Amino acid sequence: MPPRNACAPAVAWSGQRFLVAFEQPCDQMRGVFPTSPPADVVALWLGSDGTASSAPFTIANRAGAESAPAVAVLPGKGMVLAWRDETSGNSIHMTPSPTAPLRLRRHP
């Protein structure tokens, strides 16, 4: 399960297991405790019964805060993760899930 200092979970079902992405430590804590480190986006896999089937792994850990993770299932069983990055202003980044490469198709 995500650690106690995590927040902003995003979940998607792959058809076999859940991918849960979250902020760690919670970026909202910086408003209360200004010396808190900036948040990173971390994820883990959960089995269909809700038990962890992987250890937490880092998705994004740049110098600024990464927050507001989002997870989406793509056609063909792929997944994509997106998050807000404050390293050099505000921007949105995305990556395919570690076990399901993103495949782009050209439409006529």
Protein backbone atom coordinates (compact mmCIF):
# COMPACT_ATOMS: atom_id res chain seq x y z
CA MET A 1 0.00 0.00 0.00
CA PRO A 2 1.11 3.61 -0.43
CA PRO A 3 2.99 5.08 2.55
CA ARG A 4 1.18 7.29 5.07
CA ASN A 5 2.79 10.47 3.71
CA ALA A 6 1.38 9.85 0.22
CA CYS A 7 -1.69 11.49 -1.34
CA ALA A 8 -3.50 12.19 -4.62
CA PRO A 9 -3.87 8.56 -5.73
CA ALA A 10 -4.80 7.69 -9.31
CA VAL A 11 -5.84 4.13 -10.18
CA ALA A 12 -6.39 2.15 -13.38
CA TRP A 13 -7.30 -1.51 -13.95
CA SER A 14 -5.23 -3.38 -16.55
CA GLY A 15 -7.61 -6.31 -16.77
CA GLN A 16 -5.36 -8.30 -14.45
CA ARG A 17 -4.16 -5.88 -11.78
CA PHE A 18 -4.37 -2.26 -10.63
CA LEU A 19 -1.73 0.41 -11.17
CA VAL A 20 -1.84 2.98 -8.35
CA ALA A 21 0.17 6.21 -8.78
CA PHE A 22 0.48 8.79 -5.98
CA GLU A 23 2.48 11.76 -4.68
CA GLN A 24 5.14 11.04 -2.08
CA PRO A 25 5.59 12.93 0.12
CA CYS A 26 2.24 14.63 -0.25
CA ASP A 27 2.79 17.91 -2.12
CA GLN A 28 -0.04 19.52 -0.13
CA MET A 29 2.16 19.29 2.96
CA ARG A 30 4.46 22.01 1.55
CA GLY A 31 1.68 24.52 2.21
CA VAL A 32 1.68 23.54 5.89
CA PHE A 33 5.37 22.70 6.30
CA PRO A 34 7.39 24.88 3.87
CA THR A 35 10.57 22.88 4.52
CA SER A 36 8.95 19.63 3.32
CA PRO A 37 10.75 18.11 0.32
CA PRO A 38 9.03 18.42 -3.05
CA ALA A 39 6.77 15.55 -4.02
CA ASP A 40 7.67 12.80 -6.47
CA VAL A 41 5.28 10.58 -8.40
CA VAL A 42 5.51 6.97 -7.26
CA ALA A 43 3.46 3.93 -8.30
CA LEU A 44 2.88 0.32 -7.35
CA TRP A 45 0.92 -2.63 -8.70
CA LEU A 46 -1.92 -4.19 -6.71
CA GLY A 47 -3.43 -7.60 -7.38
CA SER A 48 -7.14 -8.02 -8.03
CA ASP A 49 -7.57 -8.72 -4.30
CA GLY A 50 -5.96 -5.37 -3.37
CA THR A 51 -2.65 -6.76 -2.08
CA ALA A 52 0.61 -5.24 -3.31
CA SER A 53 2.16 -7.24 -6.13
CA SER A 54 5.18 -4.92 -6.44
CA ALA A 55 7.23 -2.61 -4.31
CA PRO A 56 6.65 1.12 -4.90
CA PHE A 57 8.70 2.42 -7.84
CA THR A 58 9.50 5.98 -8.90
CA ILE A 59 7.84 7.42 -11.98
CA ALA A 60 9.17 11.00 -11.69
CA ASN A 61 11.65 12.58 -9.26
CA ARG A 62 13.07 15.73 -10.77
CA ALA A 63 14.34 18.73 -8.76
CA GLY A 64 10.92 20.41 -8.45
CA ALA A 65 7.66 18.94 -7.27
CA GLU A 66 5.86 16.35 -9.38
CA SER A 67 2.20 16.08 -8.45
CA ALA A 68 -1.35 15.30 -9.57
CA PRO A 69 -0.72 11.88 -11.15
CA ALA A 70 -3.24 10.49 -13.63
CA VAL A 71 -3.40 6.97 -15.05
CA ALA A 72 -5.33 5.87 -18.13
CA VAL A 73 -5.84 2.56 -19.90
CA LEU A 74 -5.13 2.57 -23.62
CA PRO A 75 -6.74 0.33 -26.24
CA GLY A 76 -4.73 -2.86 -26.53
CA LYS A 77 -4.06 -3.14 -22.77
CA GLY A 78 -1.46 -0.40 -22.55
CA MET A 79 -1.40 2.28 -19.85
CA VAL A 80 -0.12 5.82 -19.74
CA LEU A 81 0.74 7.98 -16.74
CA ALA A 82 0.72 11.79 -16.66
CA TRP A 83 1.64 14.28 -13.93
CA ARG A 84 2.26 17.95 -13.25
CA ASP A 85 5.92 18.98 -13.04
CA GLU A 86 7.04 22.21 -11.33
CA THR A 87 10.78 21.78 -11.98
CA SER A 88 10.95 24.66 -14.47
CA GLY A 89 7.51 26.27 -14.27
CA ASN A 90 4.33 24.28 -14.65
CA SER A 91 4.22 21.58 -17.29
CA ILE A 92 2.54 18.24 -17.90
CA HIS A 93 4.65 15.14 -18.51
CA MET A 94 3.63 11.63 -19.48
CA THR A 95 5.14 8.19 -19.83
CA PRO A 96 3.90 4.74 -20.74
CA SER A 97 3.60 2.37 -17.82
CA PRO A 98 6.76 0.38 -17.10
CA THR A 99 5.26 -2.87 -18.36
CA ALA A 100 3.06 -1.69 -21.21
CA PRO A 101 4.82 0.34 -23.89
CA LEU A 102 2.86 3.12 -25.50
CA ARG A 103 2.10 2.41 -29.14
CA LEU A 104 1.17 5.32 -31.37
CA ARG A 105 -0.84 4.62 -34.50
CA ARG A 106 -1.35 6.91 -37.44
CA HIS A 107 -4.96 7.33 -38.50
CA PRO A 108 -5.76 7.98 -42.16
